[in-house]
Amino acid sequence: MIEILTDALLDAFLDTIKLLPFLFVTYLLMEYLERKTGDKSAAILSSIGKLAPVFGGLAGIVPQCGFSAAASSLYAGGLISVGTLLAVFLSTSDEMLPIFISEQVAVPTIAAILITKAVLGIVSGLGVDFLLRFTKYKHKTEKHIRDAYEDENESEEHGIFYEALQHSIRITIFIFLITLVLTILVEGLGKDTISGFLSGQPVFGVFLSALIGLIPNCAASVIITQLYLDGLLGSGQMIAGLLVGAGVGLLVLFRSNRRHMKENFLVTAMLYIIAVFWGLLIEALGIRF
């Protein structure tokens, strides 16, 4: 038990400390926009318009969950659309790419999977934004940058660097605590137990893989990637699990956008449904990477 706790502490620390630079830069940008442009900031970052999910999907290819964390904060501040957020989440590869490289997977195979995830993220993001135009969902007009912060009435007597660092440290501590608990649970259950639920289930395995992928911890993407490499998961199952594997993006979303919990659960549900849909379609078409 002590060994599990020690390993969990180390893993949680390493997983969260690397997010600090991403969070700091994001909050620094948001602080600057808030003070220099006020309510006009949303319009400025929205100038990309309908193509925003394209940039989100391409940015998510980089194997760093820091982008998903940054996207969550920007979304909570009303600076990007839900489609853009989902595009980042769906295309983010988390631990997949490093594992593929370490296992010397063929470059064309790696490229095909990365491009597939990016394309599916972009198509899904564009589709969600398009469909939401016909609903009463008006996220960007109702949110402000300060909504992503812990206290709306926070004093601005400090400089933007101090404020950005303060917000970054707060959310990093939150992520560390949650990641620690999740790591202990995963280690306690055992990766073999989790693997048993995923392997040998052609259709139901897609739902299970996507459910496991929702765990905001790098262990999820490690398990799914390794099972695929071992031949225990099909391409559709693998894609479904990795599409929802947004790293700590969901944790940051629930923390930064905590005033709108129903919205957070809706985003999570959409992420899961989209991943399952694409996973089932890939399985049905017999696509292999």
C-alpha atoms as a PDB file:
ATOM      1  CA  MET A   1       0.000   0.000   0.000  1.00  0.00           C
ATOM      2  CA  ILE A   2       2.838   2.379   0.855  1.00  0.00           C
ATOM      3  CA  GLU A   3       4.501   1.576  -2.471  1.00  0.00           C
ATOM      4  CA  ILE A   4       1.263   2.271  -4.356  1.00  0.00           C
ATOM      5  CA  LEU A   5       0.838   5.583  -2.511  1.00  0.00           C
ATOM      6  CA  THR A   6       4.432   6.603  -3.207  1.00  0.00           C
ATOM      7  CA  ASP A   7       4.142   5.766  -6.899  1.00  0.00           C
ATOM      8  CA  ALA A   8       0.815   7.573  -7.081  1.00  0.00           C
ATOM      9  CA  LEU A   9       2.290  10.705  -5.487  1.00  0.00           C
ATOM     10  CA  LEU A  10       5.178  10.715  -7.936  1.00  0.00           C
ATOM     11  CA  ASP A  11       2.979  10.065 -10.975  1.00  0.00           C
ATOM     12  CA  ALA A  12       0.459  12.723  -9.937  1.00  0.00           C
ATOM     13  CA  PHE A  13       3.243  15.246  -9.358  1.00  0.00           C
ATOM     14  CA  LEU A  14       4.880  14.591 -12.731  1.00  0.00           C
ATOM     15  CA  ASP A  15       1.534  14.660 -14.555  1.00  0.00           C
ATOM     16  CA  THR A  16       0.518  18.013 -13.092  1.00  0.00           C
ATOM     17  CA  ILE A  17       3.752  19.991 -12.828  1.00  0.00           C
ATOM     18  CA  LYS A  18       4.226  19.907 -16.605  1.00  0.00           C
ATOM     19  CA  LEU A  19       0.848  21.629 -17.002  1.00  0.00           C
ATOM     20  CA  LEU A  20       1.897  24.734 -15.082  1.00  0.00           C
ATOM     21  CA  PRO A  21       3.601  26.497 -18.037  1.00  0.00           C
ATOM     22  CA  PHE A  22       0.552  25.924 -20.270  1.00  0.00           C
ATOM     23  CA  LEU A  23      -1.869  27.162 -17.637  1.00  0.00           C
ATOM     24  CA  PHE A  24       0.299  30.169 -16.831  1.00  0.00           C
ATOM     25  CA  VAL A  25       0.514  31.284 -20.466  1.00  0.00           C
ATOM     26  CA  THR A  26      -3.240  30.788 -20.892  1.00  0.00           C
ATOM     27  CA  TYR A  27      -4.179  32.796 -17.815  1.00  0.00           C
ATOM     28  CA  LEU A  28      -1.617  35.443 -18.681  1.00  0.00           C
ATOM     29  CA  LEU A  29      -3.305  35.886 -22.052  1.00  0.00           C
ATOM     30  CA  MET A  30      -6.728  35.989 -20.442  1.00  0.00           C
ATOM     31  CA  GLU A  31      -5.616  38.537 -17.849  1.00  0.00           C
ATOM     32  CA  TYR A  32      -4.172  40.740 -20.569  1.00  0.00           C
ATOM     33  CA  LEU A  33      -7.333  40.553 -22.670  1.00  0.00           C
ATOM     34  CA  GLU A  34      -9.530  41.235 -19.667  1.00  0.00           C
ATOM     35  CA  ARG A  35      -7.647  44.376 -18.703  1.00  0.00           C
ATOM     36  CA  LYS A  36      -6.918  45.726 -22.162  1.00  0.00           C
ATOM     37  CA  THR A  37     -10.051  44.911 -24.080  1.00  0.00           C
ATOM     38  CA  GLY A  38     -12.688  43.949 -21.508  1.00  0.00           C
ATOM     39  CA  ASP A  39     -15.848  42.588 -23.108  1.00  0.00           C
ATOM     40  CA  LYS A  40     -14.361  43.047 -26.586  1.00  0.00           C
ATOM     41  CA  SER A  41     -11.896  40.214 -25.965  1.00  0.00           C
ATOM     42  CA  ALA A  42     -14.371  37.511 -26.915  1.00  0.00           C
ATOM     43  CA  ALA A  43     -15.021  39.227 -30.229  1.00  0.00           C
ATOM     44  CA  ILE A  44     -11.291  39.485 -30.906  1.00  0.00           C
ATOM     45  CA  LEU A  45     -10.581  35.788 -30.341  1.00  0.00           C
ATOM     46  CA  SER A  46     -13.781  34.886 -32.127  1.00  0.00           C
ATOM     47  CA  SER A  47     -12.593  36.580 -35.314  1.00  0.00           C
ATOM     48  CA  ILE A  48     -11.455  33.202 -36.620  1.00  0.00           C
ATOM     49  CA  GLY A  49     -15.157  32.423 -36.697  1.00  0.00           C
ATOM     50  CA  LYS A  50     -16.521  29.170 -38.064  1.00  0.00           C
ATOM     51  CA  LEU A  51     -13.062  27.724 -38.735  1.00  0.00           C
ATOM     52  CA  ALA A  52     -11.985  27.814 -35.073  1.00  0.00           C
ATOM     53  CA  PRO A  53     -12.516  24.024 -34.629  1.00  0.00           C
ATOM     54  CA  VAL A  54     -10.038  23.449 -37.475  1.00  0.00           C
ATOM     55  CA  PHE A  55      -7.303  25.223 -35.547  1.00  0.00           C
ATOM     56  CA  GLY A  56      -8.396  23.461 -32.355  1.00  0.00           C
ATOM     57  CA  GLY A  57      -8.177  20.044 -33.997  1.00  0.00           C
ATOM     58  CA  LEU A  58      -4.734  20.754 -35.430  1.00  0.00           C
ATOM     59  CA  ALA A  59      -3.412  22.112 -32.119  1.00  0.00           C
ATOM     60  CA  GLY A  60      -4.604  18.997 -30.316  1.00  0.00           C
ATOM     61  CA  ILE A  61      -2.286  16.780 -32.375  1.00  0.00           C
ATOM     62  CA  VAL A  62       0.672  17.902 -30.259  1.00  0.00           C
ATOM     63  CA  PRO A  63       1.162  15.211 -27.564  1.00  0.00           C
ATOM     64  CA  GLN A  64       0.607  17.496 -24.591  1.00  0.00           C
ATOM     65  CA  CYS A  65      -2.573  17.565 -22.518  1.00  0.00           C
ATOM     66  CA  GLY A  66      -1.649  21.156 -21.681  1.00  0.00           C
ATOM     67  CA  PHE A  67      -3.516  22.243 -24.795  1.00  0.00           C
ATOM     68  CA  SER A  68      -6.722  20.619 -23.587  1.00  0.00           C
ATOM     69  CA  ALA A  69      -6.279  22.320 -20.209  1.00  0.00           C
ATOM     70  CA  ALA A  70      -5.743  25.675 -21.903  1.00  0.00           C
ATOM     71  CA  ALA A  71      -8.767  25.136 -24.152  1.00  0.00           C
ATOM     72  CA  SER A  72     -10.957  24.402 -21.117  1.00  0.00           C
ATOM     73  CA  SER A  73      -9.957  27.682 -19.496  1.00  0.00           C
ATOM     74  CA  LEU A  74     -10.573  29.627 -22.697  1.00  0.00           C
ATOM     75  CA  TYR A  75     -13.970  27.956 -23.057  1.00  0.00           C
ATOM     76  CA  ALA A  76     -14.910  28.798 -19.467  1.00  0.00           C
ATOM     77  CA  GLY A  77     -14.063  32.409 -20.251  1.00  0.00           C
ATOM     78  CA  GLY A  78     -16.297  32.414 -23.311  1.00  0.00           C
ATOM     79  CA  LEU A  79     -13.412  32.832 -25.740  1.00  0.00           C
ATOM     80  CA  ILE A  80     -13.901  29.673 -27.798  1.00  0.00           C
ATOM     81  CA  SER A  81     -16.946  27.676 -28.834  1.00  0.00           C
ATOM     82  CA  VAL A  82     -17.972  24.259 -27.579  1.00  0.00           C
ATOM     83  CA  GLY A  83     -17.126  22.850 -31.009  1.00  0.00           C
ATOM     84  CA  THR A  84     -13.585  24.193 -30.761  1.00  0.00           C
ATOM     85  CA  LEU A  85     -13.222  22.747 -27.267  1.00  0.00           C
ATOM     86  CA  LEU A  86     -14.432  19.341 -28.453  1.00  0.00           C
ATOM     87  CA  ALA A  87     -12.102  19.469 -31.461  1.00  0.00           C
ATOM     88  CA  VAL A  88      -9.135  19.931 -29.118  1.00  0.00           C
ATOM     89  CA  PHE A  89     -10.331  17.197 -26.752  1.00  0.00           C
ATOM     90  CA  LEU A  90     -10.936  14.687 -29.540  1.00  0.00           C
ATOM     91  CA  SER A  91      -7.644  15.244 -31.342  1.00  0.00           C
ATOM     92  CA  THR A  92      -5.422  15.352 -28.242  1.00  0.00           C
ATOM     93  CA  SER A  93      -3.235  12.248 -28.194  1.00  0.00           C
ATOM     94  CA  ASP A  94      -2.045  12.434 -24.572  1.00  0.00           C
ATOM     95  CA  GLU A  95       0.350   9.469 -24.002  1.00  0.00           C
ATOM     96  CA  MET A  96      -0.450   7.669 -27.239  1.00  0.00           C
ATOM     97  CA  LEU A  97       2.287   9.189 -29.399  1.00  0.00           C
ATOM     98  CA  PRO A  98       5.184   8.670 -26.958  1.00  0.00           C
ATOM     99  CA  ILE A  99       4.176   5.012 -26.513  1.00  0.00           C
ATOM    100  CA  PHE A 100       3.903   4.437 -30.256  1.00  0.00           C
ATOM    101  CA  ILE A 101       7.343   5.933 -30.771  1.00  0.00           C
ATOM    102  CA  SER A 102       8.899   3.929 -27.933  1.00  0.00           C
ATOM    103  CA  GLU A 103       7.367   0.735 -29.381  1.00  0.00           C
ATOM    104  CA  GLN A 104       8.777   1.632 -32.806  1.00  0.00           C
ATOM    105  CA  VAL A 105       5.400   1.587 -34.515  1.00  0.00           C
ATOM    106  CA  ALA A 106       5.675   2.312 -38.250  1.00  0.00           C
ATOM    107  CA  VAL A 107       5.619   6.029 -39.043  1.00  0.00           C
ATOM    108  CA  PRO A 108       2.802   5.691 -41.635  1.00  0.00           C
ATOM    109  CA  THR A 109       0.649   3.960 -38.992  1.00  0.00           C
ATOM    110  CA  ILE A 110       1.307   6.670 -36.422  1.00  0.00           C
ATOM    111  CA  ALA A 111       0.599   9.383 -38.994  1.00  0.00           C
ATOM    112  CA  ALA A 112      -2.640   7.695 -40.068  1.00  0.00           C
ATOM    113  CA  ILE A 113      -3.930   7.514 -36.485  1.00  0.00           C
ATOM    114  CA  LEU A 114      -2.942  11.109 -35.684  1.00  0.00           C
ATOM    115  CA  ILE A 115      -4.529  12.420 -38.871  1.00  0.00           C
ATOM    116  CA  THR A 116      -7.665  10.354 -38.243  1.00  0.00           C
ATOM    117  CA  LYS A 117      -8.054  11.752 -34.734  1.00  0.00           C
ATOM    118  CA  ALA A 118      -7.473  15.302 -35.960  1.00  0.00           C
ATOM    119  CA  VAL A 119      -9.931  14.966 -38.849  1.00  0.00           C
ATOM    120  CA  LEU A 120     -12.598  13.391 -36.636  1.00  0.00           C
ATOM    121  CA  GLY A 121     -12.057  16.162 -34.074  1.00  0.00           C
ATOM    122  CA  ILE A 122     -12.358  18.891 -36.697  1.00  0.00           C
ATOM    123  CA  VAL A 123     -15.429  17.367 -38.379  1.00  0.00           C
ATOM    124  CA  SER A 124     -17.124  16.801 -35.015  1.00  0.00           C
ATOM    125  CA  GLY A 125     -16.294  20.299 -33.774  1.00  0.00           C
ATOM    126  CA  LEU A 126     -17.602  21.948 -36.928  1.00  0.00           C
ATOM    127  CA  GLY A 127     -20.708  19.775 -36.806  1.00  0.00           C
ATOM    128  CA  VAL A 128     -21.466  20.584 -33.162  1.00  0.00           C
ATOM    129  CA  ASP A 129     -21.059  24.340 -33.704  1.00  0.00           C
ATOM    130  CA  PHE A 130     -23.303  24.152 -36.769  1.00  0.00           C
ATOM    131  CA  LEU A 131     -26.058  22.246 -34.977  1.00  0.00           C
ATOM    132  CA  LEU A 132     -25.924  24.478 -31.905  1.00  0.00           C
ATOM    133  CA  ARG A 133     -26.744  27.497 -34.049  1.00  0.00           C
ATOM    134  CA  PHE A 134     -30.285  26.130 -34.268  1.00  0.00           C
ATOM    135  CA  THR A 135     -30.650  25.805 -30.493  1.00  0.00           C
ATOM    136  CA  LYS A 136     -30.856  28.202 -27.547  1.00  0.00           C
ATOM    137  CA  TYR A 137     -27.284  27.358 -26.590  1.00  0.00           C
ATOM    138  CA  LYS A 138     -25.523  30.757 -26.416  1.00  0.00           C
ATOM    139  CA  HIS A 139     -22.352  30.003 -24.481  1.00  0.00           C
ATOM    140  CA  LYS A 140     -20.098  32.710 -25.884  1.00  0.00           C
ATOM    141  CA  THR A 141     -22.574  35.543 -25.395  1.00  0.00           C
ATOM    142  CA  GLU A 142     -23.239  34.642 -21.781  1.00  0.00           C
ATOM    143  CA  LYS A 143     -19.685  34.107 -20.557  1.00  0.00           C
ATOM    144  CA  HIS A 144     -16.886  36.480 -19.704  1.00  0.00           C
ATOM    145  CA  ILE A 145     -13.200  35.889 -19.073  1.00  0.00           C
ATOM    146  CA  ARG A 146     -13.669  36.340 -15.330  1.00  0.00           C
ATOM    147  CA  ASP A 147     -16.083  33.389 -15.300  1.00  0.00           C
ATOM    148  CA  ALA A 148     -13.033  31.146 -15.558  1.00  0.00           C
ATOM    149  CA  TYR A 149     -11.629  32.582 -12.348  1.00  0.00           C
ATOM    150  CA  GLU A 150     -12.315  31.582  -8.815  1.00  0.00           C
ATOM    151  CA  ASP A 151     -13.666  34.930  -7.614  1.00  0.00           C
ATOM    152  CA  GLU A 152     -15.493  37.390  -9.849  1.00  0.00           C
ATOM    153  CA  ASN A 153     -14.774  40.285  -7.507  1.00  0.00           C
ATOM    154  CA  GLU A 154     -11.084  39.580  -7.214  1.00  0.00           C
ATOM    155  CA  SER A 155      -8.937  42.668  -6.773  1.00  0.00           C
ATOM    156  CA  GLU A 156      -6.764  43.800  -9.654  1.00  0.00           C
ATOM    157  CA  GLU A 157      -4.196  45.582  -7.508  1.00  0.00           C
ATOM    158  CA  HIS A 158      -1.543  43.023  -8.499  1.00  0.00           C
ATOM    159  CA  GLY A 159       0.106  42.737 -11.889  1.00  0.00           C
ATOM    160  CA  ILE A 160      -1.087  40.351 -14.569  1.00  0.00           C
ATOM    161  CA  PHE A 161       1.893  38.034 -13.996  1.00  0.00           C
ATOM    162  CA  TYR A 162       1.000  37.642 -10.318  1.00  0.00           C
ATOM    163  CA  GLU A 163      -2.682  37.045 -11.052  1.00  0.00           C
ATOM    164  CA  ALA A 164      -1.942  34.551 -13.834  1.00  0.00           C
ATOM    165  CA  LEU A 165       0.501  32.631 -11.637  1.00  0.00           C
ATOM    166  CA  GLN A 166      -1.959  32.599  -8.742  1.00  0.00           C
ATOM    167  CA  HIS A 167      -4.760  31.164 -10.890  1.00  0.00           C
ATOM    168  CA  SER A 168      -2.381  28.625 -12.441  1.00  0.00           C
ATOM    169  CA  ILE A 169      -1.143  27.376  -9.064  1.00  0.00           C
ATOM    170  CA  ARG A 170      -4.675  27.045  -7.690  1.00  0.00           C
ATOM    171  CA  ILE A 171      -5.898  24.911 -10.544  1.00  0.00           C
ATOM    172  CA  THR A 172      -2.662  22.901 -10.628  1.00  0.00           C
ATOM    173  CA  ILE A 173      -3.148  21.959  -6.958  1.00  0.00           C
ATOM    174  CA  PHE A 174      -6.721  20.929  -7.725  1.00  0.00           C
ATOM    175  CA  ILE A 175      -5.578  18.771 -10.646  1.00  0.00           C
ATOM    176  CA  PHE A 176      -2.838  17.194  -8.517  1.00  0.00           C
ATOM    177  CA  LEU A 177      -5.275  16.119  -5.795  1.00  0.00           C
ATOM    178  CA  ILE A 178      -7.790  14.636  -8.223  1.00  0.00           C
ATOM    179  CA  THR A 179      -5.065  12.923 -10.249  1.00  0.00           C
ATOM    180  CA  LEU A 180      -3.614  11.433  -7.072  1.00  0.00           C
ATOM    181  CA  VAL A 181      -6.952   9.889  -6.114  1.00  0.00           C
ATOM    182  CA  LEU A 182      -7.523   8.526  -9.631  1.00  0.00           C
ATOM    183  CA  THR A 183      -4.012   7.076  -9.812  1.00  0.00           C
ATOM    184  CA  ILE A 184      -4.486   5.273  -6.493  1.00  0.00           C
ATOM    185  CA  LEU A 185      -7.794   3.827  -7.740  1.00  0.00           C
ATOM    186  CA  VAL A 186      -6.281   2.641 -11.030  1.00  0.00           C
ATOM    187  CA  GLU A 187      -3.271   1.113  -9.314  1.00  0.00           C
ATOM    188  CA  GLY A 188      -5.513  -0.448  -6.685  1.00  0.00           C
ATOM    189  CA  LEU A 189      -7.803  -2.085  -9.241  1.00  0.00           C
ATOM    190  CA  GLY A 190      -4.876  -3.170 -11.330  1.00  0.00           C
ATOM    191  CA  LYS A 191      -4.333  -2.589 -15.029  1.00  0.00           C
ATOM    192  CA  ASP A 192      -4.952  -6.284 -15.731  1.00  0.00           C
ATOM    193  CA  THR A 193      -8.466  -5.998 -14.304  1.00  0.00           C
ATOM    194  CA  ILE A 194      -9.215  -2.971 -16.453  1.00  0.00           C
ATOM    195  CA  SER A 195      -7.736  -4.705 -19.488  1.00  0.00           C
ATOM    196  CA  GLY A 196     -10.045  -7.654 -18.980  1.00  0.00           C
ATOM    197  CA  PHE A 197     -13.083  -5.421 -19.416  1.00  0.00           C
ATOM    198  CA  LEU A 198     -11.833  -4.099 -22.741  1.00  0.00           C
ATOM    199  CA  SER A 199     -10.432  -7.049 -24.628  1.00  0.00           C
ATOM    200  CA  GLY A 200     -12.550  -9.484 -26.625  1.00  0.00           C
ATOM    201  CA  GLN A 201     -15.615  -7.231 -26.893  1.00  0.00           C
ATOM    202  CA  PRO A 202     -15.994  -6.090 -30.544  1.00  0.00           C
ATOM    203  CA  VAL A 203     -18.978  -3.741 -30.121  1.00  0.00           C
ATOM    204  CA  PHE A 204     -19.481  -3.430 -26.397  1.00  0.00           C
ATOM    205  CA  GLY A 205     -15.742  -2.883 -26.149  1.00  0.00           C
ATOM    206  CA  VAL A 206     -16.158   0.432 -27.959  1.00  0.00           C
ATOM    207  CA  PHE A 207     -18.470   1.677 -25.195  1.00  0.00           C
ATOM    208  CA  LEU A 208     -16.159   0.326 -22.497  1.00  0.00           C
ATOM    209  CA  SER A 209     -13.026   1.744 -24.100  1.00  0.00           C
ATOM    210  CA  ALA A 210     -14.630   5.191 -24.398  1.00  0.00           C
ATOM    211  CA  LEU A 211     -15.725   4.974 -20.774  1.00  0.00           C
ATOM    212  CA  ILE A 212     -12.214   4.104 -19.621  1.00  0.00           C
ATOM    213  CA  GLY A 213     -10.843   6.882 -21.811  1.00  0.00           C
ATOM    214  CA  LEU A 214     -12.933   9.424 -19.909  1.00  0.00           C
ATOM    215  CA  ILE A 215     -10.758   8.896 -16.836  1.00  0.00           C
ATOM    216  CA  PRO A 216      -8.800  12.175 -16.649  1.00  0.00           C
ATOM    217  CA  ASN A 217      -5.481  10.468 -16.140  1.00  0.00           C
ATOM    218  CA  CYS A 218      -2.676   9.421 -18.493  1.00  0.00           C
ATOM    219  CA  ALA A 219      -3.087   5.823 -17.268  1.00  0.00           C
ATOM    220  CA  ALA A 220      -6.236   5.520 -19.396  1.00  0.00           C
ATOM    221  CA  SER A 221      -4.497   6.331 -22.681  1.00  0.00           C
ATOM    222  CA  VAL A 222      -1.538   4.149 -21.693  1.00  0.00           C
ATOM    223  CA  ILE A 223      -3.810   1.140 -21.094  1.00  0.00           C
ATOM    224  CA  ILE A 224      -5.790   1.624 -24.311  1.00  0.00           C
ATOM    225  CA  THR A 225      -2.685   2.189 -26.451  1.00  0.00           C
ATOM    226  CA  GLN A 226      -0.880  -0.819 -24.988  1.00  0.00           C
ATOM    227  CA  LEU A 227      -3.897  -3.102 -25.445  1.00  0.00           C
ATOM    228  CA  TYR A 228      -4.101  -2.034 -29.080  1.00  0.00           C
ATOM    229  CA  LEU A 229      -0.412  -2.743 -29.603  1.00  0.00           C
ATOM    230  CA  ASP A 230      -0.894  -6.149 -27.984  1.00  0.00           C
ATOM    231  CA  GLY A 231      -3.683  -6.945 -30.443  1.00  0.00           C
ATOM    232  CA  LEU A 232      -6.389  -7.037 -27.756  1.00  0.00           C
ATOM    233  CA  LEU A 233      -8.298  -4.026 -29.064  1.00  0.00           C
ATOM    234  CA  GLY A 234      -9.591  -3.317 -32.534  1.00  0.00           C
ATOM    235  CA  SER A 235      -9.043  -0.024 -34.332  1.00  0.00           C
ATOM    236  CA  GLY A 236     -12.536   1.241 -33.519  1.00  0.00           C
ATOM    237  CA  GLN A 237     -12.150   0.427 -29.838  1.00  0.00           C
ATOM    238  CA  MET A 238      -8.762   2.106 -29.731  1.00  0.00           C
ATOM    239  CA  ILE A 239      -9.972   5.237 -31.520  1.00  0.00           C
ATOM    240  CA  ALA A 240     -13.048   5.530 -29.279  1.00  0.00           C
ATOM    241  CA  GLY A 241     -10.950   5.326 -26.131  1.00  0.00           C
ATOM    242  CA  LEU A 242      -8.314   7.763 -27.346  1.00  0.00           C
ATOM    243  CA  LEU A 243     -10.817  10.275 -28.739  1.00  0.00           C
ATOM    244  CA  VAL A 244     -12.224  10.918 -25.269  1.00  0.00           C
ATOM    245  CA  GLY A 245      -8.767  10.857 -23.694  1.00  0.00           C
ATOM    246  CA  ALA A 246      -8.413  14.606 -23.235  1.00  0.00           C
ATOM    247  CA  GLY A 247      -5.918  14.283 -20.398  1.00  0.00           C
ATOM    248  CA  VAL A 248      -6.784  16.678 -17.583  1.00  0.00           C
ATOM    249  CA  GLY A 249      -8.875  18.838 -19.898  1.00  0.00           C
ATOM    250  CA  LEU A 250     -12.128  17.696 -18.290  1.00  0.00           C
ATOM    251  CA  LEU A 251     -10.764  18.352 -14.799  1.00  0.00           C
ATOM    252  CA  VAL A 252      -9.869  21.897 -15.767  1.00  0.00           C
ATOM    253  CA  LEU A 253     -13.283  22.344 -17.396  1.00  0.00           C
ATOM    254  CA  PHE A 254     -15.183  21.316 -14.262  1.00  0.00           C
ATOM    255  CA  ARG A 255     -12.951  23.548 -12.158  1.00  0.00           C
ATOM    256  CA  SER A 256     -12.862  26.633 -14.362  1.00  0.00           C
ATOM    257  CA  ASN A 257     -16.474  26.421 -15.533  1.00  0.00           C
ATOM    258  CA  ARG A 258     -17.917  25.330 -12.191  1.00  0.00           C
ATOM    259  CA  ARG A 259     -20.688  27.937 -12.290  1.00  0.00           C
ATOM    260  CA  HIS A 260     -22.190  26.007 -15.207  1.00  0.00           C
ATOM    261  CA  MET A 261     -22.070  22.356 -14.155  1.00  0.00           C
ATOM    262  CA  LYS A 262     -24.935  21.286 -16.411  1.00  0.00           C
ATOM    263  CA  GLU A 263     -22.955  22.654 -19.317  1.00  0.00           C
ATOM    264  CA  ASN A 264     -19.890  20.672 -18.250  1.00  0.00           C
ATOM    265  CA  PHE A 265     -21.854  17.431 -18.102  1.00  0.00           C
ATOM    266  CA  LEU A 266     -23.334  18.198 -21.519  1.00  0.00           C
ATOM    267  CA  VAL A 267     -19.855  18.664 -23.002  1.00  0.00           C
ATOM    268  CA  THR A 268     -18.726  15.401 -21.395  1.00  0.00           C
ATOM    269  CA  ALA A 269     -21.765  13.564 -22.763  1.00  0.00           C
ATOM    270  CA  MET A 270     -21.173  14.942 -26.252  1.00  0.00           C
ATOM    271  CA  LEU A 271     -17.517  13.913 -26.063  1.00  0.00           C
ATOM    272  CA  TYR A 272     -18.469  10.357 -25.115  1.00  0.00           C
ATOM    273  CA  ILE A 273     -21.273  10.007 -27.690  1.00  0.00           C
ATOM    274  CA  ILE A 274     -19.093  11.353 -30.512  1.00  0.00           C
ATOM    275  CA  ALA A 275     -16.225   9.002 -29.608  1.00  0.00           C
ATOM    276  CA  VAL A 276     -18.540   5.976 -29.469  1.00  0.00           C
ATOM    277  CA  PHE A 277     -20.126   6.912 -32.803  1.00  0.00           C
ATOM    278  CA  TRP A 278     -16.797   7.123 -34.609  1.00  0.00           C
ATOM    279  CA  GLY A 279     -15.526   3.986 -32.879  1.00  0.00           C
ATOM    280  CA  LEU A 280     -18.566   1.949 -33.944  1.00  0.00           C
ATOM    281  CA  LEU A 281     -18.339   3.300 -37.486  1.00  0.00           C
ATOM    282  CA  ILE A 282     -14.667   2.328 -37.782  1.00  0.00           C
ATOM    283  CA  GLU A 283     -15.430  -1.151 -36.443  1.00  0.00           C
ATOM    284  CA  ALA A 284     -18.370  -1.541 -38.833  1.00  0.00           C
ATOM    285  CA  LEU A 285     -16.285  -0.469 -41.831  1.00  0.00           C
ATOM    286  CA  GLY A 286     -13.489  -2.841 -40.818  1.00  0.00           C
ATOM    287  CA  ILE A 287     -10.860  -0.079 -40.921  1.00  0.00           C
ATOM    288  CA  ARG A 288      -7.463  -1.116 -39.635  1.00  0.00           C
ATOM    289  CA  PHE A 289      -4.375   0.965 -38.964  1.00  0.00           C
END
